[in-house]
PDB file of N, CA and C in Angstrom:
ATOM      1  N   MET A   1     -10.012 -14.927   7.002  1.00  0.00           N
ATOM      2  CA  MET A   1     -10.504 -13.568   7.028  1.00  0.00           C
ATOM      3  C   MET A   1     -11.925 -13.572   6.491  1.00  0.00           C
ATOM      4  N   ARG A   2     -12.761 -12.778   7.101  1.00  0.00           N
ATOM      5  CA  ARG A   2     -14.128 -12.708   6.636  1.00  0.00           C
ATOM      6  C   ARG A   2     -14.609 -11.276   6.776  1.00  0.00           C
ATOM      7  N   GLY A   3     -15.163 -10.760   5.732  1.00  0.00           N
ATOM      8  CA  GLY A   3     -15.719  -9.420   5.787  1.00  0.00           C
ATOM      9  C   GLY A   3     -17.236  -9.495   5.808  1.00  0.00           C
ATOM     10  N   GLU A   4     -17.843  -8.544   6.464  1.00  0.00           N
ATOM     11  CA  GLU A   4     -19.289  -8.545   6.559  1.00  0.00           C
ATOM     12  C   GLU A   4     -19.772  -7.103   6.657  1.00  0.00           C
ATOM     13  N   VAL A   5     -20.744  -6.749   5.837  1.00  0.00           N
ATOM     14  CA  VAL A   5     -21.332  -5.417   5.912  1.00  0.00           C
ATOM     15  C   VAL A   5     -22.528  -5.508   6.827  1.00  0.00           C
ATOM     16  N   VAL A   6     -22.437  -4.863   7.971  1.00  0.00           N
ATOM     17  CA  VAL A   6     -23.521  -4.896   8.938  1.00  0.00           C
ATOM     18  C   VAL A   6     -24.537  -3.809   8.612  1.00  0.00           C
ATOM     19  N   ARG A   7     -24.034  -2.645   8.286  1.00  0.00           N
ATOM     20  CA  ARG A   7     -24.893  -1.531   7.890  1.00  0.00           C
ATOM     21  C   ARG A   7     -24.044  -0.533   7.131  1.00  0.00           C
ATOM     22  N   GLY A   8     -24.683   0.328   6.409  1.00  0.00           N
ATOM     23  CA  GLY A   8     -23.959   1.353   5.669  1.00  0.00           C
ATOM     24  C   GLY A   8     -23.486   0.875   4.308  1.00  0.00           C
ATOM     25  N   HIS A   9     -22.495   1.556   3.782  1.00  0.00           N
ATOM     26  CA  HIS A   9     -21.991   1.280   2.448  1.00  0.00           C
ATOM     27  C   HIS A   9     -20.480   1.069   2.489  1.00  0.00           C
ATOM     28  N   MET A  10     -19.994   0.296   1.536  1.00  0.00           N
ATOM     29  CA  MET A  10     -18.563   0.103   1.414  1.00  0.00           C
ATOM     30  C   MET A  10     -17.915   1.460   1.119  1.00  0.00           C
ATOM     31  N   ARG A  11     -16.774   1.725   1.752  1.00  0.00           N
ATOM     32  CA  ARG A  11     -16.070   2.977   1.481  1.00  0.00           C
ATOM     33  C   ARG A  11     -14.573   2.756   1.634  1.00  0.00           C
ATOM     34  N   LEU A  12     -13.826   3.612   1.040  1.00  0.00           N
ATOM     35  CA  LEU A  12     -12.378   3.571   1.146  1.00  0.00           C
ATOM     36  C   LEU A  12     -11.989   4.421   2.351  1.00  0.00           C
ATOM     37  N   ALA A  13     -11.692   3.773   3.482  1.00  0.00           N
ATOM     38  CA  ALA A  13     -11.432   4.480   4.729  1.00  0.00           C
ATOM     39  C   ALA A  13     -10.010   5.014   4.815  1.00  0.00           C
ATOM     40  N   GLU A  14      -9.089   4.478   4.032  1.00  0.00           N
ATOM     41  CA  GLU A  14      -7.703   4.938   4.038  1.00  0.00           C
ATOM     42  C   GLU A  14      -7.291   5.261   2.596  1.00  0.00           C
ATOM     43  N   PRO A  15      -7.777   6.369   2.053  1.00  0.00           N
ATOM     44  CA  PRO A  15      -7.513   6.668   0.647  1.00  0.00           C
ATOM     45  C   PRO A  15      -6.040   6.829   0.298  1.00  0.00           C
ATOM     46  N   ASP A  16      -5.216   7.190   1.274  1.00  0.00           N
ATOM     47  CA  ASP A  16      -3.789   7.332   0.983  1.00  0.00           C
ATOM     48  C   ASP A  16      -3.072   5.982   0.975  1.00  0.00           C
ATOM     49  N   GLU A  17      -3.759   4.915   1.398  1.00  0.00           N
ATOM     50  CA  GLU A  17      -3.176   3.578   1.435  1.00  0.00           C
ATOM     51  C   GLU A  17      -3.604   2.707   0.248  1.00  0.00           C
ATOM     52  N   ALA A  18      -4.616   3.131  -0.489  1.00  0.00           N
ATOM     53  CA  ALA A  18      -5.119   2.306  -1.590  1.00  0.00           C
ATOM     54  C   ALA A  18      -5.579   3.192  -2.739  1.00  0.00           C
ATOM     55  N   GLY A  19      -5.483   2.668  -3.919  1.00  0.00           N
ATOM     56  CA  GLY A  19      -5.889   3.428  -5.096  1.00  0.00           C
ATOM     57  C   GLY A  19      -7.390   3.503  -5.270  1.00  0.00           C
ATOM     58  N   LYS A  20      -8.092   2.368  -5.046  1.00  0.00           N
ATOM     59  CA  LYS A  20      -9.536   2.352  -5.196  1.00  0.00           C
ATOM     60  C   LYS A  20     -10.082   1.064  -4.585  1.00  0.00           C
ATOM     61  N   VAL A  21     -11.374   1.042  -4.375  1.00  0.00           N
ATOM     62  CA  VAL A  21     -12.067  -0.143  -3.885  1.00  0.00           C
ATOM     63  C   VAL A  21     -12.913  -0.670  -5.022  1.00  0.00           C
ATOM     64  N   LEU A  22     -12.849  -1.980  -5.253  1.00  0.00           N
ATOM     65  CA  LEU A  22     -13.677  -2.559  -6.303  1.00  0.00           C
ATOM     66  C   LEU A  22     -13.990  -4.003  -5.985  1.00  0.00           C
ATOM     67  N   TRP A  23     -15.106  -4.477  -6.523  1.00  0.00           N
ATOM     68  CA  TRP A  23     -15.441  -5.889  -6.445  1.00  0.00           C
ATOM     69  C   TRP A  23     -14.810  -6.533  -7.654  1.00  0.00           C
ATOM     70  N   ALA A  24     -14.111  -7.643  -7.454  1.00  0.00           N
ATOM     71  CA  ALA A  24     -13.424  -8.310  -8.557  1.00  0.00           C
ATOM     72  C   ALA A  24     -13.707  -9.805  -8.511  1.00  0.00           C
ATOM     73  N   ALA A  25     -13.686 -10.431  -9.682  1.00  0.00           N
ATOM     74  CA  ALA A  25     -13.814 -11.883  -9.732  1.00  0.00           C
ATOM     75  C   ALA A  25     -12.616 -12.494  -9.006  1.00  0.00           C
ATOM     76  N   PRO A  26     -12.817 -13.603  -8.283  1.00  0.00           N
ATOM     77  CA  PRO A  26     -11.720 -14.177  -7.518  1.00  0.00           C
ATOM     78  C   PRO A  26     -10.624 -14.804  -8.376  1.00  0.00           C
ATOM     79  N   GLU A  27     -10.905 -15.098  -9.614  1.00  0.00           N
ATOM     80  CA  GLU A  27      -9.892 -15.688 -10.494  1.00  0.00           C
ATOM     81  C   GLU A  27      -9.958 -15.019 -11.854  1.00  0.00           C
ATOM     82  N   PRO A  28      -8.966 -14.353 -12.309  1.00  0.00           N
ATOM     83  CA  PRO A  28      -7.782 -13.943 -11.563  1.00  0.00           C
ATOM     84  C   PRO A  28      -8.052 -12.638 -10.818  1.00  0.00           C
ATOM     85  N   LEU A  29      -7.410 -12.472  -9.684  1.00  0.00           N
ATOM     86  CA  LEU A  29      -7.489 -11.202  -8.961  1.00  0.00           C
ATOM     87  C   LEU A  29      -6.654 -10.162  -9.705  1.00  0.00           C
ATOM     88  N   PRO A  30      -6.952  -8.882  -9.520  1.00  0.00           N
ATOM     89  CA  PRO A  30      -6.112  -7.852 -10.128  1.00  0.00           C
ATOM     90  C   PRO A  30      -4.645  -8.045  -9.729  1.00  0.00           C
ATOM     91  N   SER A  31      -3.745  -7.780 -10.620  1.00  0.00           N
ATOM     92  CA  SER A  31      -2.321  -8.032 -10.387  1.00  0.00           C
ATOM     93  C   SER A  31      -1.744  -7.224  -9.228  1.00  0.00           C
ATOM     94  N   ASN A  32      -2.376  -6.124  -8.866  1.00  0.00           N
ATOM     95  CA  ASN A  32      -1.841  -5.293  -7.786  1.00  0.00           C
ATOM     96  C   ASN A  32      -2.511  -5.587  -6.436  1.00  0.00           C
ATOM     97  N   THR A  33      -3.162  -6.746  -6.291  1.00  0.00           N
ATOM     98  CA  THR A  33      -3.789  -7.120  -5.023  1.00  0.00           C
ATOM     99  C   THR A  33      -2.707  -7.462  -3.998  1.00  0.00           C
ATOM    100  N   ASN A  34      -2.832  -6.913  -2.794  1.00  0.00           N
ATOM    101  CA  ASN A  34      -1.856  -7.177  -1.732  1.00  0.00           C
ATOM    102  C   ASN A  34      -1.835  -8.647  -1.344  1.00  0.00           C
ATOM    103  N   ALA A  35      -0.760  -9.067  -0.674  1.00  0.00           N
ATOM    104  CA  ALA A  35      -0.555 -10.480  -0.347  1.00  0.00           C
ATOM    105  C   ALA A  35      -1.643 -11.066   0.543  1.00  0.00           C
ATOM    106  N   HIS A  36      -1.985 -10.421   1.667  1.00  0.00           N
ATOM    107  CA  HIS A  36      -2.979 -11.010   2.572  1.00  0.00           C
ATOM    108  C   HIS A  36      -4.328 -11.210   1.900  1.00  0.00           C
ATOM    109  N   PRO A  37      -4.886 -10.219   1.214  1.00  0.00           N
ATOM    110  CA  PRO A  37      -6.168 -10.478   0.546  1.00  0.00           C
ATOM    111  C   PRO A  37      -6.077 -11.578  -0.509  1.00  0.00           C
ATOM    112  N   SER A  38      -5.018 -11.569  -1.310  1.00  0.00           N
ATOM    113  CA  SER A  38      -4.941 -12.582  -2.357  1.00  0.00           C
ATOM    114  C   SER A  38      -4.737 -13.976  -1.769  1.00  0.00           C
ATOM    115  N   GLU A  39      -3.960 -14.098  -0.693  1.00  0.00           N
ATOM    116  CA  GLU A  39      -3.767 -15.400  -0.049  1.00  0.00           C
ATOM    117  C   GLU A  39      -5.054 -15.890   0.606  1.00  0.00           C
ATOM    118  N   SER A  40      -5.829 -14.973   1.199  1.00  0.00           N
ATOM    119  CA  SER A  40      -7.079 -15.398   1.832  1.00  0.00           C
ATOM    120  C   SER A  40      -8.104 -15.825   0.793  1.00  0.00           C
ATOM    121  N   VAL A  41      -8.163 -15.143  -0.339  1.00  0.00           N
ATOM    122  CA  VAL A  41      -9.076 -15.550  -1.415  1.00  0.00           C
ATOM    123  C   VAL A  41      -8.652 -16.904  -1.960  1.00  0.00           C
ATOM    124  N   ARG A  42      -7.368 -17.088  -2.189  1.00  0.00           N
ATOM    125  CA  ARG A  42      -6.870 -18.374  -2.692  1.00  0.00           C
ATOM    126  C   ARG A  42      -7.202 -19.505  -1.718  1.00  0.00           C
ATOM    127  N   ALA A  43      -7.012 -19.273  -0.416  1.00  0.00           N
ATOM    128  CA  ALA A  43      -7.323 -20.286   0.589  1.00  0.00           C
ATOM    129  C   ALA A  43      -8.811 -20.612   0.583  1.00  0.00           C
ATOM    130  N   ARG A  44      -9.643 -19.594   0.495  1.00  0.00           N
ATOM    131  CA  ARG A  44     -11.102 -19.806   0.485  1.00  0.00           C
ATOM    132  C   ARG A  44     -11.505 -20.640  -0.724  1.00  0.00           C
ATOM    133  N   LEU A  45     -10.957 -20.335  -1.884  1.00  0.00           N
ATOM    134  CA  LEU A  45     -11.278 -21.087  -3.096  1.00  0.00           C
ATOM    135  C   LEU A  45     -10.800 -22.533  -2.993  1.00  0.00           C
ATOM    136  N   ASP A  46      -9.707 -22.748  -2.252  1.00  0.00           N
ATOM    137  CA  ASP A  46      -9.178 -24.101  -2.061  1.00  0.00           C
ATOM    138  C   ASP A  46      -9.863 -24.837  -0.914  1.00  0.00           C
ATOM    139  N   GLY A  47     -10.759 -24.141  -0.195  1.00  0.00           N
ATOM    140  CA  GLY A  47     -11.503 -24.765   0.899  1.00  0.00           C
ATOM    141  C   GLY A  47     -10.701 -24.948   2.171  1.00  0.00           C
ATOM    142  N   VAL A  48      -9.676 -24.124   2.360  1.00  0.00           N
ATOM    143  CA  VAL A  48      -8.867 -24.209   3.581  1.00  0.00           C
ATOM    144  C   VAL A  48      -8.944 -22.901   4.350  1.00  0.00           C
ATOM    145  N   GLY A  49      -8.638 -22.955   5.633  1.00  0.00           N
ATOM    146  CA  GLY A  49      -8.667 -21.762   6.474  1.00  0.00           C
ATOM    147  C   GLY A  49      -7.448 -20.882   6.227  1.00  0.00           C
ATOM    148  N   PHE A  50      -7.545 -19.644   6.604  1.00  0.00           N
ATOM    149  CA  PHE A  50      -6.440 -18.703   6.440  1.00  0.00           C
ATOM    150  C   PHE A  50      -6.449 -17.734   7.606  1.00  0.00           C
ATOM    151  N   THR A  51      -5.284 -17.509   8.192  1.00  0.00           N
ATOM    152  CA  THR A  51      -5.098 -16.432   9.152  1.00  0.00           C
ATOM    153  C   THR A  51      -3.897 -15.625   8.694  1.00  0.00           C
ATOM    154  N   PRO A  52      -3.967 -14.313   8.762  1.00  0.00           N
ATOM    155  CA  PRO A  52      -2.888 -13.481   8.228  1.00  0.00           C
ATOM    156  C   PRO A  52      -1.559 -13.623   8.941  1.00  0.00           C
ATOM    157  N   HIS A  53      -1.570 -14.134  10.175  1.00  0.00           N
ATOM    158  CA  HIS A  53      -0.330 -14.232  10.931  1.00  0.00           C
ATOM    159  C   HIS A  53      -0.001 -15.673  11.327  1.00  0.00           C
ATOM    160  N   GLY A  54      -0.635 -16.637  10.652  1.00  0.00           N
ATOM    161  CA  GLY A  54      -0.345 -18.040  10.887  1.00  0.00           C
ATOM    162  C   GLY A  54      -0.809 -18.588  12.218  1.00  0.00           C
ATOM    163  N   ARG A  55      -1.768 -17.958  12.852  1.00  0.00           N
ATOM    164  CA  ARG A  55      -2.263 -18.434  14.157  1.00  0.00           C
ATOM    165  C   ARG A  55      -3.487 -19.291  13.984  1.00  0.00           C
TER     166      ARG A  55
END
C-alpha cells in the first residue's frame, strides 16, 4: 500500500468510520490501528511487499 498526496490537504473523508486522522511514529503504532494499515507498516519496516488481499 502506498499513499501519496498529489494536491490539497489530508482530511478525514469518512468521519463516521474513524475517530481521527493523525501522523504517528511507525513503532509502536497506536493500539487502535486497524489490521491492514498496521500490517502494511510492519511489512514496509521489514522491507517486504504487502497487499491487503494477498494478491
